[in-house]
Amino acid sequence: MILLSAEATAQPDYADVPFRQLDPINKTPITATVEPGNAGSGRIDNMLMHALSLIGVKYRSGGNRLEQGFDCSGFVRHVFAEALSVELPRSSIEMSRLGNPVENNQLLPGDLLFYNTLKRRFSHVGIYLGEGRFVHAPSPGKNVEIVDMSDAYWKKRFDGARRLVDPD
């Protein structure tokens, strides 16, 4: 069930799917795998696979299409529309009002994570992948990437999480 009000959410089947990204510090390839059983329904798996397929797409302020690049909310909005046929609001602050709040120790793949990156709450959004990592469109000059929630930058800016897709 998709939750678009502040009230209610589905999960998928993961096959090991490798993807590559460069380590931001030493610029060497990182290989990561989406592990089976981390989510729940095929819908969430499909959503996560679509999000991962966009790694490397350039960041563009105001961007919400693959051809032009994405900002953070444009990226999340695109993933939900393409994978789940769900139209989300355009801004991260509007997205932060949807679904149900989730505590850190209850996060599931597909949950939305919100951050204060512009000196205002809920100014950034990403999609939780599991194992403390999320995928997002970061900032000008960068590309869609995977980062760790425990990195100092993200840890101190965390504003909360919301579940829009229920893990039945």
N, C-alpha and C. Protein backbone atom coordinates (compact mmCIF):
# COMPACT_ATOMS: atom_id res chain seq x y z
N MET A 1 0.84 -1.17 0.00
CA MET A 1 0.00 0.00 0.00
C MET A 1 0.90 1.24 0.00
N ILE A 2 0.58 2.19 -0.84
CA ILE A 2 1.33 3.45 -0.91
C ILE A 2 0.67 4.43 0.05
N LEU A 3 1.47 5.09 0.87
CA LEU A 3 0.97 6.03 1.86
C LEU A 3 1.27 7.45 1.43
N LEU A 4 0.28 8.20 1.09
CA LEU A 4 0.52 9.57 0.69
C LEU A 4 -0.01 10.57 1.69
N SER A 5 -0.70 10.09 2.70
CA SER A 5 -1.12 10.99 3.77
C SER A 5 -0.23 10.70 4.95
N ALA A 6 -0.45 11.38 6.05
CA ALA A 6 0.36 11.12 7.24
C ALA A 6 -0.09 9.86 7.94
N GLU A 7 -0.81 8.99 7.30
CA GLU A 7 -1.27 7.75 7.92
C GLU A 7 -0.57 6.47 7.47
N ALA A 8 -0.58 5.90 6.33
CA ALA A 8 -0.15 4.53 6.02
C ALA A 8 1.01 4.14 5.05
N THR A 9 1.72 1.85 3.77
CA THR A 9 2.88 1.43 2.84
C THR A 9 3.06 -0.02 2.26
N ALA A 10 4.89 -1.56 0.57
CA ALA A 10 5.02 -2.95 0.08
C ALA A 10 6.47 -3.28 -0.20
N GLN A 11 6.93 -4.44 -0.18
CA GLN A 11 8.35 -4.82 -0.34
C GLN A 11 8.65 -5.89 -1.38
N PRO A 12 9.95 -6.04 -1.92
CA PRO A 12 10.35 -6.94 -3.01
C PRO A 12 11.33 -8.08 -2.75
N ASP A 13 11.82 -8.69 -3.74
CA ASP A 13 12.63 -9.88 -3.89
C ASP A 13 13.98 -9.49 -4.48
N TYR A 14 15.07 -9.52 -3.74
CA TYR A 14 16.35 -9.07 -4.30
C TYR A 14 17.19 -10.19 -4.87
N ALA A 15 17.61 -9.99 -6.09
CA ALA A 15 18.65 -10.86 -6.65
C ALA A 15 19.93 -10.06 -6.45
N ASP A 16 21.05 -10.73 -6.29
CA ASP A 16 22.30 -9.99 -6.14
C ASP A 16 22.51 -9.15 -7.39
N VAL A 17 22.53 -7.85 -7.20
CA VAL A 17 22.69 -6.95 -8.32
C VAL A 17 23.88 -6.06 -8.04
N PRO A 18 24.96 -6.27 -8.77
CA PRO A 18 26.14 -5.45 -8.54
C PRO A 18 26.01 -4.09 -9.22
N PHE A 19 26.60 -3.10 -8.63
CA PHE A 19 26.72 -1.79 -9.25
C PHE A 19 28.06 -1.24 -8.82
N ARG A 20 28.56 -0.27 -9.58
CA ARG A 20 29.88 0.27 -9.28
C ARG A 20 29.80 1.78 -9.09
N GLN A 21 30.63 2.24 -8.22
CA GLN A 21 30.72 3.66 -7.93
C GLN A 21 32.15 3.93 -7.50
N LEU A 22 32.65 5.14 -7.71
CA LEU A 22 34.00 5.48 -7.27
C LEU A 22 33.98 5.95 -5.83
N ASP A 23 34.94 5.45 -5.06
CA ASP A 23 35.11 5.93 -3.69
C ASP A 23 35.47 7.41 -3.77
N PRO A 24 34.72 8.28 -3.06
CA PRO A 24 34.96 9.72 -3.19
C PRO A 24 36.33 10.17 -2.68
N ILE A 25 36.96 9.39 -1.84
CA ILE A 25 38.25 9.80 -1.28
C ILE A 25 39.41 9.38 -2.17
N ASN A 26 39.51 8.08 -2.46
CA ASN A 26 40.66 7.64 -3.25
C ASN A 26 40.34 7.34 -4.71
N LYS A 27 39.11 7.59 -5.13
CA LYS A 27 38.68 7.46 -6.53
C LYS A 27 38.86 6.06 -7.10
N THR A 28 38.84 5.04 -6.24
CA THR A 28 38.91 3.67 -6.72
C THR A 28 37.49 3.10 -6.78
N PRO A 29 37.25 2.12 -7.66
CA PRO A 29 35.90 1.57 -7.77
C PRO A 29 35.46 0.86 -6.49
N ILE A 30 34.20 1.07 -6.15
CA ILE A 30 33.55 0.35 -5.05
C ILE A 30 32.53 -0.55 -5.72
N THR A 31 32.48 -1.79 -5.35
CA THR A 31 31.44 -2.67 -5.85
C THR A 31 30.54 -3.01 -4.68
N ALA A 32 29.26 -2.80 -4.86
CA ALA A 32 28.30 -3.10 -3.80
C ALA A 32 27.23 -4.00 -4.38
N THR A 33 26.50 -4.65 -3.52
CA THR A 33 25.47 -5.59 -3.95
C THR A 33 24.20 -5.33 -3.17
N VAL A 34 23.07 -5.39 -3.86
CA VAL A 34 21.79 -5.35 -3.18
C VAL A 34 21.50 -6.78 -2.78
N GLU A 35 21.36 -7.04 -1.50
CA GLU A 35 21.25 -8.39 -1.00
C GLU A 35 19.81 -8.88 -0.98
N PRO A 36 19.58 -10.16 -1.29
CA PRO A 36 18.24 -10.72 -1.24
C PRO A 36 17.68 -10.62 0.18
N GLY A 37 16.38 -10.35 0.26
CA GLY A 37 15.73 -10.36 1.56
C GLY A 37 15.86 -9.09 2.36
N ASN A 38 16.54 -8.06 1.85
CA ASN A 38 16.67 -6.82 2.60
C ASN A 38 15.41 -5.99 2.56
N ALA A 39 14.59 -6.17 1.58
CA ALA A 39 13.35 -5.42 1.49
C ALA A 39 12.21 -6.38 1.69
N GLY A 40 11.18 -6.34 0.88
CA GLY A 40 10.09 -7.24 1.15
C GLY A 40 9.31 -7.59 -0.08
N SER A 41 8.80 -6.61 -0.79
CA SER A 41 7.97 -6.91 -1.95
C SER A 41 8.72 -6.57 -3.22
N GLY A 42 8.24 -7.11 -4.32
CA GLY A 42 8.83 -6.81 -5.61
C GLY A 42 8.76 -5.34 -5.95
N ARG A 43 7.75 -4.65 -5.44
CA ARG A 43 7.62 -3.22 -5.76
C ARG A 43 8.77 -2.42 -5.18
N ILE A 44 9.13 -2.66 -3.93
CA ILE A 44 10.25 -1.91 -3.34
C ILE A 44 11.55 -2.31 -4.02
N ASP A 45 11.73 -3.59 -4.28
CA ASP A 45 12.94 -4.03 -5.00
C ASP A 45 13.05 -3.32 -6.34
N ASN A 46 11.94 -3.28 -7.08
CA ASN A 46 11.97 -2.60 -8.38
C ASN A 46 12.32 -1.13 -8.22
N MET A 47 11.77 -0.50 -7.20
CA MET A 47 12.06 0.91 -6.96
C MET A 47 13.55 1.10 -6.67
N LEU A 48 14.10 0.25 -5.80
CA LEU A 48 15.51 0.37 -5.45
C LEU A 48 16.40 0.08 -6.65
N MET A 49 16.04 -0.91 -7.43
CA MET A 49 16.83 -1.23 -8.62
C MET A 49 16.81 -0.06 -9.60
N HIS A 50 15.65 0.59 -9.73
CA HIS A 50 15.59 1.75 -10.62
C HIS A 50 16.47 2.88 -10.07
N ALA A 51 16.38 3.12 -8.77
CA ALA A 51 17.22 4.16 -8.16
C ALA A 51 18.71 3.86 -8.40
N LEU A 52 19.11 2.61 -8.21
CA LEU A 52 20.52 2.23 -8.39
C LEU A 52 20.95 2.35 -9.85
N SER A 53 20.01 2.16 -10.77
CA SER A 53 20.35 2.28 -12.19
C SER A 53 20.69 3.72 -12.58
N LEU A 54 20.35 4.66 -11.70
CA LEU A 54 20.58 6.08 -11.99
C LEU A 54 21.89 6.60 -11.38
N ILE A 55 22.64 5.73 -10.73
CA ILE A 55 23.93 6.15 -10.18
C ILE A 55 24.79 6.68 -11.32
N GLY A 56 25.38 7.84 -11.08
CA GLY A 56 26.22 8.47 -12.09
C GLY A 56 25.52 9.57 -12.87
N VAL A 57 24.18 9.64 -12.79
CA VAL A 57 23.48 10.73 -13.47
C VAL A 57 23.84 12.03 -12.78
N LYS A 58 24.10 13.07 -13.55
CA LYS A 58 24.57 14.33 -12.98
C LYS A 58 23.51 15.03 -12.15
N TYR A 59 23.99 15.81 -11.18
CA TYR A 59 23.12 16.66 -10.38
C TYR A 59 22.81 17.90 -11.21
N ARG A 60 21.57 18.33 -11.11
CA ARG A 60 21.19 19.60 -11.73
C ARG A 60 20.15 20.26 -10.85
N SER A 61 20.40 21.46 -10.42
CA SER A 61 19.46 22.20 -9.59
C SER A 61 18.13 22.34 -10.32
N GLY A 62 17.06 21.93 -9.67
CA GLY A 62 15.74 21.98 -10.30
C GLY A 62 15.48 20.84 -11.26
N GLY A 63 16.46 19.95 -11.44
CA GLY A 63 16.34 18.87 -12.42
C GLY A 63 15.42 17.76 -11.94
N ASN A 64 14.56 17.28 -12.85
CA ASN A 64 13.68 16.18 -12.50
C ASN A 64 13.48 15.20 -13.65
N ARG A 65 14.41 15.24 -14.63
CA ARG A 65 14.34 14.30 -15.75
C ARG A 65 15.72 13.72 -16.00
N LEU A 66 15.74 12.47 -16.39
CA LEU A 66 16.99 11.77 -16.66
C LEU A 66 17.86 12.53 -17.66
N GLU A 67 17.26 13.06 -18.70
CA GLU A 67 18.02 13.72 -19.76
C GLU A 67 18.74 14.97 -19.27
N GLN A 68 18.19 15.64 -18.26
CA GLN A 68 18.79 16.90 -17.81
C GLN A 68 19.54 16.76 -16.50
N GLY A 69 19.30 15.69 -15.77
CA GLY A 69 19.89 15.51 -14.45
C GLY A 69 18.86 15.76 -13.37
N PHE A 70 19.25 15.49 -12.13
CA PHE A 70 18.31 15.55 -11.01
C PHE A 70 18.86 16.38 -9.86
N ASP A 71 17.95 17.06 -9.16
CA ASP A 71 18.27 17.50 -7.81
C ASP A 71 17.71 16.41 -6.89
N CYS A 72 17.86 16.56 -5.58
CA CYS A 72 17.48 15.46 -4.68
C CYS A 72 16.01 15.08 -4.77
N SER A 73 15.13 16.07 -4.72
CA SER A 73 13.70 15.75 -4.76
C SER A 73 13.27 15.31 -6.15
N GLY A 74 13.88 15.87 -7.18
CA GLY A 74 13.58 15.43 -8.54
C GLY A 74 13.96 13.98 -8.75
N PHE A 75 15.09 13.58 -8.17
CA PHE A 75 15.54 12.18 -8.24
C PHE A 75 14.52 11.25 -7.56
N VAL A 76 14.15 11.56 -6.32
CA VAL A 76 13.20 10.72 -5.57
C VAL A 76 11.85 10.68 -6.30
N ARG A 77 11.42 11.83 -6.75
CA ARG A 77 10.14 11.92 -7.45
C ARG A 77 10.16 11.05 -8.71
N HIS A 78 11.25 11.12 -9.48
CA HIS A 78 11.40 10.32 -10.70
C HIS A 78 11.36 8.82 -10.38
N VAL A 79 12.10 8.41 -9.35
CA VAL A 79 12.15 6.99 -8.99
C VAL A 79 10.76 6.48 -8.60
N PHE A 80 10.05 7.21 -7.78
CA PHE A 80 8.71 6.78 -7.36
C PHE A 80 7.75 6.75 -8.55
N ALA A 81 7.83 7.73 -9.44
CA ALA A 81 6.94 7.76 -10.60
C ALA A 81 7.22 6.61 -11.55
N GLU A 82 8.50 6.38 -11.85
CA GLU A 82 8.85 5.34 -12.82
C GLU A 82 8.65 3.93 -12.28
N ALA A 83 9.02 3.71 -11.02
CA ALA A 83 8.98 2.35 -10.47
C ALA A 83 7.65 1.99 -9.82
N LEU A 84 6.94 2.99 -9.28
CA LEU A 84 5.71 2.70 -8.53
C LEU A 84 4.48 3.39 -9.10
N SER A 85 4.66 4.20 -10.14
CA SER A 85 3.56 5.00 -10.70
C SER A 85 2.90 5.88 -9.64
N VAL A 86 3.75 6.45 -8.76
CA VAL A 86 3.27 7.33 -7.70
C VAL A 86 3.85 8.72 -7.94
N GLU A 87 2.99 9.71 -7.97
CA GLU A 87 3.46 11.09 -8.15
C GLU A 87 3.63 11.73 -6.78
N LEU A 88 4.86 12.09 -6.48
CA LEU A 88 5.18 12.76 -5.22
C LEU A 88 5.22 14.27 -5.44
N PRO A 89 5.10 15.04 -4.37
CA PRO A 89 5.26 16.49 -4.49
C PRO A 89 6.66 16.83 -4.99
N ARG A 90 6.88 18.04 -5.44
CA ARG A 90 8.16 18.43 -6.04
C ARG A 90 9.26 18.71 -5.03
N SER A 91 8.92 19.15 -3.82
CA SER A 91 9.98 19.53 -2.89
C SER A 91 10.17 18.52 -1.76
N SER A 92 11.39 18.50 -1.22
CA SER A 92 11.68 17.58 -0.12
C SER A 92 10.85 17.91 1.12
N ILE A 93 10.60 19.18 1.38
CA ILE A 93 9.81 19.52 2.56
C ILE A 93 8.37 19.02 2.42
N GLU A 94 7.83 19.08 1.21
CA GLU A 94 6.47 18.54 0.99
C GLU A 94 6.48 17.01 1.13
N MET A 95 7.54 16.37 0.64
CA MET A 95 7.65 14.91 0.78
C MET A 95 7.73 14.51 2.25
N SER A 96 8.35 15.36 3.07
CA SER A 96 8.54 15.03 4.49
C SER A 96 7.24 14.98 5.26
N ARG A 97 6.16 15.44 4.66
CA ARG A 97 4.85 15.44 5.32
C ARG A 97 4.03 14.21 4.95
N LEU A 98 4.53 13.37 4.07
CA LEU A 98 3.81 12.18 3.61
C LEU A 98 4.16 10.95 4.43
N GLY A 99 3.34 9.92 4.34
CA GLY A 99 3.64 8.64 4.97
C GLY A 99 3.70 8.71 6.47
N ASN A 100 4.45 7.79 7.04
CA ASN A 100 4.58 7.68 8.49
C ASN A 100 6.03 7.86 8.92
N PRO A 101 6.23 8.52 10.08
CA PRO A 101 7.60 8.66 10.58
C PRO A 101 8.19 7.30 10.95
N VAL A 102 9.51 7.17 10.80
CA VAL A 102 10.20 5.92 11.10
C VAL A 102 11.42 6.23 11.96
N GLU A 103 11.60 5.47 13.02
CA GLU A 103 12.80 5.61 13.86
C GLU A 103 14.00 4.98 13.14
N ASN A 104 15.20 5.47 13.45
CA ASN A 104 16.42 4.96 12.81
C ASN A 104 16.56 3.45 12.91
N ASN A 105 16.22 2.89 14.06
CA ASN A 105 16.39 1.45 14.24
C ASN A 105 15.29 0.64 13.57
N GLN A 106 14.34 1.30 12.91
CA GLN A 106 13.24 0.62 12.22
C GLN A 106 13.28 0.86 10.71
N LEU A 107 14.35 1.47 10.21
CA LEU A 107 14.44 1.79 8.78
C LEU A 107 14.40 0.53 7.93
N LEU A 108 13.70 0.65 6.80
CA LEU A 108 13.64 -0.43 5.81
C LEU A 108 14.01 0.15 4.45
N PRO A 109 14.57 -0.68 3.57
CA PRO A 109 14.86 -0.20 2.22
C PRO A 109 13.60 0.43 1.60
N GLY A 110 13.82 1.57 0.96
CA GLY A 110 12.71 2.30 0.34
C GLY A 110 12.22 3.47 1.16
N ASP A 111 12.56 3.53 2.45
CA ASP A 111 12.17 4.67 3.28
C ASP A 111 12.87 5.93 2.78
N LEU A 112 12.23 7.06 2.95
CA LEU A 112 12.86 8.33 2.59
C LEU A 112 13.59 8.91 3.79
N LEU A 113 14.79 9.40 3.57
CA LEU A 113 15.61 10.02 4.62
C LEU A 113 15.71 11.51 4.32
N PHE A 114 15.57 12.31 5.38
CA PHE A 114 15.58 13.77 5.21
C PHE A 114 16.71 14.39 6.00
N TYR A 115 17.29 15.43 5.40
CA TYR A 115 18.46 16.09 5.98
C TYR A 115 18.34 17.61 5.88
N ASN A 116 19.05 18.29 6.77
CA ASN A 116 19.16 19.73 6.76
C ASN A 116 20.51 20.08 6.12
N THR A 117 20.49 20.36 4.82
CA THR A 117 21.73 20.67 4.12
C THR A 117 21.82 22.14 3.71
N LEU A 118 20.74 22.87 3.84
CA LEU A 118 20.71 24.27 3.41
C LEU A 118 20.30 25.19 4.56
N LYS A 119 20.64 24.79 5.77
CA LYS A 119 20.28 25.55 6.97
C LYS A 119 18.78 25.68 7.14
N ARG A 120 18.06 24.67 6.64
CA ARG A 120 16.63 24.57 6.89
C ARG A 120 16.25 23.09 6.89
N ARG A 121 15.35 22.76 7.81
CA ARG A 121 14.94 21.37 7.97
C ARG A 121 14.34 20.80 6.67
N PHE A 122 14.58 19.52 6.47
CA PHE A 122 14.02 18.78 5.34
C PHE A 122 14.38 19.39 3.99
N SER A 123 15.59 19.93 3.88
CA SER A 123 16.02 20.53 2.62
C SER A 123 16.67 19.53 1.67
N HIS A 124 16.85 18.29 2.13
CA HIS A 124 17.46 17.26 1.28
C HIS A 124 16.78 15.93 1.55
N VAL A 125 16.66 15.09 0.50
CA VAL A 125 16.01 13.79 0.63
C VAL A 125 16.78 12.74 -0.17
N GLY A 126 16.80 11.52 0.37
CA GLY A 126 17.40 10.37 -0.31
C GLY A 126 16.57 9.13 -0.02
N ILE A 127 16.92 8.02 -0.65
CA ILE A 127 16.19 6.76 -0.50
C ILE A 127 17.09 5.76 0.22
N TYR A 128 16.58 5.24 1.35
CA TYR A 128 17.34 4.28 2.15
C TYR A 128 17.47 2.95 1.41
N LEU A 129 18.70 2.40 1.40
CA LEU A 129 18.97 1.13 0.72
C LEU A 129 19.11 -0.05 1.67
N GLY A 130 19.36 0.23 2.94
CA GLY A 130 19.66 -0.82 3.90
C GLY A 130 21.12 -0.71 4.32
N GLU A 131 21.46 -1.38 5.41
CA GLU A 131 22.82 -1.40 5.93
C GLU A 131 23.40 0.00 6.13
N GLY A 132 22.55 0.96 6.50
CA GLY A 132 23.00 2.31 6.80
C GLY A 132 23.38 3.16 5.61
N ARG A 133 22.99 2.75 4.40
CA ARG A 133 23.35 3.50 3.19
C ARG A 133 22.11 4.04 2.49
N PHE A 134 22.31 5.13 1.76
CA PHE A 134 21.21 5.66 0.96
C PHE A 134 21.72 6.18 -0.37
N VAL A 135 20.81 6.30 -1.32
CA VAL A 135 21.12 6.81 -2.65
C VAL A 135 20.44 8.17 -2.78
N HIS A 136 21.15 9.12 -3.40
CA HIS A 136 20.61 10.47 -3.52
C HIS A 136 21.32 11.23 -4.64
N ALA A 137 20.73 12.37 -5.00
CA ALA A 137 21.37 13.31 -5.91
C ALA A 137 21.94 14.41 -5.02
N PRO A 138 23.28 14.47 -4.86
CA PRO A 138 23.89 15.28 -3.81
C PRO A 138 23.90 16.80 -4.00
N SER A 139 24.68 17.32 -4.91
CA SER A 139 24.85 18.77 -5.02
C SER A 139 25.53 19.09 -6.35
N PRO A 140 25.55 20.37 -6.73
CA PRO A 140 26.17 20.75 -8.01
C PRO A 140 27.60 20.20 -8.13
N GLY A 141 27.89 19.72 -9.34
CA GLY A 141 29.22 19.18 -9.62
C GLY A 141 29.36 17.71 -9.27
N LYS A 142 28.31 17.12 -8.70
CA LYS A 142 28.35 15.70 -8.34
C LYS A 142 27.28 14.93 -9.10
N ASN A 143 27.29 13.61 -8.92
CA ASN A 143 26.34 12.72 -9.58
C ASN A 143 25.56 11.93 -8.55
N VAL A 144 24.45 11.33 -8.97
CA VAL A 144 23.69 10.44 -8.10
C VAL A 144 24.67 9.41 -7.55
N GLU A 145 24.61 9.21 -6.22
CA GLU A 145 25.59 8.35 -5.56
C GLU A 145 24.98 7.68 -4.34
N ILE A 146 25.74 6.74 -3.79
CA ILE A 146 25.40 6.06 -2.54
C ILE A 146 26.32 6.58 -1.47
N VAL A 147 25.75 6.89 -0.31
CA VAL A 147 26.56 7.34 0.83
C VAL A 147 26.10 6.62 2.09
N ASP A 148 26.92 6.74 3.11
CA ASP A 148 26.65 6.09 4.39
C ASP A 148 26.05 7.10 5.36
N MET A 149 24.94 6.73 5.97
CA MET A 149 24.27 7.61 6.94
C MET A 149 25.16 7.95 8.13
N SER A 150 26.12 7.09 8.42
CA SER A 150 26.96 7.31 9.59
C SER A 150 28.11 8.27 9.33
N ASP A 151 28.31 8.69 8.08
CA ASP A 151 29.33 9.70 7.80
C ASP A 151 28.98 10.94 8.62
N ALA A 152 29.99 11.58 9.18
CA ALA A 152 29.78 12.73 10.08
C ALA A 152 28.89 13.80 9.46
N TYR A 153 29.10 14.10 8.19
CA TYR A 153 28.31 15.13 7.52
C TYR A 153 26.82 14.81 7.59
N TRP A 154 26.47 13.57 7.23
CA TRP A 154 25.06 13.18 7.18
C TRP A 154 24.49 12.97 8.57
N LYS A 155 25.27 12.40 9.44
CA LYS A 155 24.79 12.11 10.79
C LYS A 155 24.32 13.37 11.51
N LYS A 156 25.08 14.44 11.41
CA LYS A 156 24.71 15.65 12.15
C LYS A 156 23.59 16.44 11.48
N ARG A 157 23.26 16.12 10.24
CA ARG A 157 22.22 16.84 9.52
C ARG A 157 20.91 16.06 9.38
N PHE A 158 20.85 14.87 9.95
CA PHE A 158 19.66 14.01 9.81
C PHE A 158 18.44 14.65 10.46
N ASP A 159 17.34 14.73 9.70
CA ASP A 159 16.09 15.32 10.19
C ASP A 159 15.01 14.27 10.44
N GLY A 160 15.18 13.07 9.96
CA GLY A 160 14.17 12.04 10.18
C GLY A 160 13.91 11.23 8.92
N ALA A 161 13.03 10.26 9.06
CA ALA A 161 12.70 9.35 7.95
C ALA A 161 11.19 9.16 7.89
N ARG A 162 10.71 8.85 6.69
CA ARG A 162 9.29 8.60 6.47
C ARG A 162 9.15 7.35 5.63
N ARG A 163 8.13 6.58 5.91
CA ARG A 163 7.82 5.38 5.11
C ARG A 163 6.59 5.67 4.28
N LEU A 164 6.77 5.61 2.95
CA LEU A 164 5.66 5.84 2.04
C LEU A 164 5.11 4.54 1.46
N VAL A 165 5.92 3.49 1.53
CA VAL A 165 5.51 2.19 0.99
C VAL A 165 5.57 1.18 2.12
N ASP A 166 4.45 0.58 2.44
CA ASP A 166 4.34 -0.34 3.58
C ASP A 166 4.96 -1.69 3.27
N PRO A 167 5.77 -2.22 4.18
CA PRO A 167 6.41 -3.53 3.96
C PRO A 167 5.51 -4.69 4.36
N ASP A 168 4.38 -4.88 3.69
CA ASP A 168 3.45 -5.97 4.06
C ASP A 168 4.16 -7.30 4.03
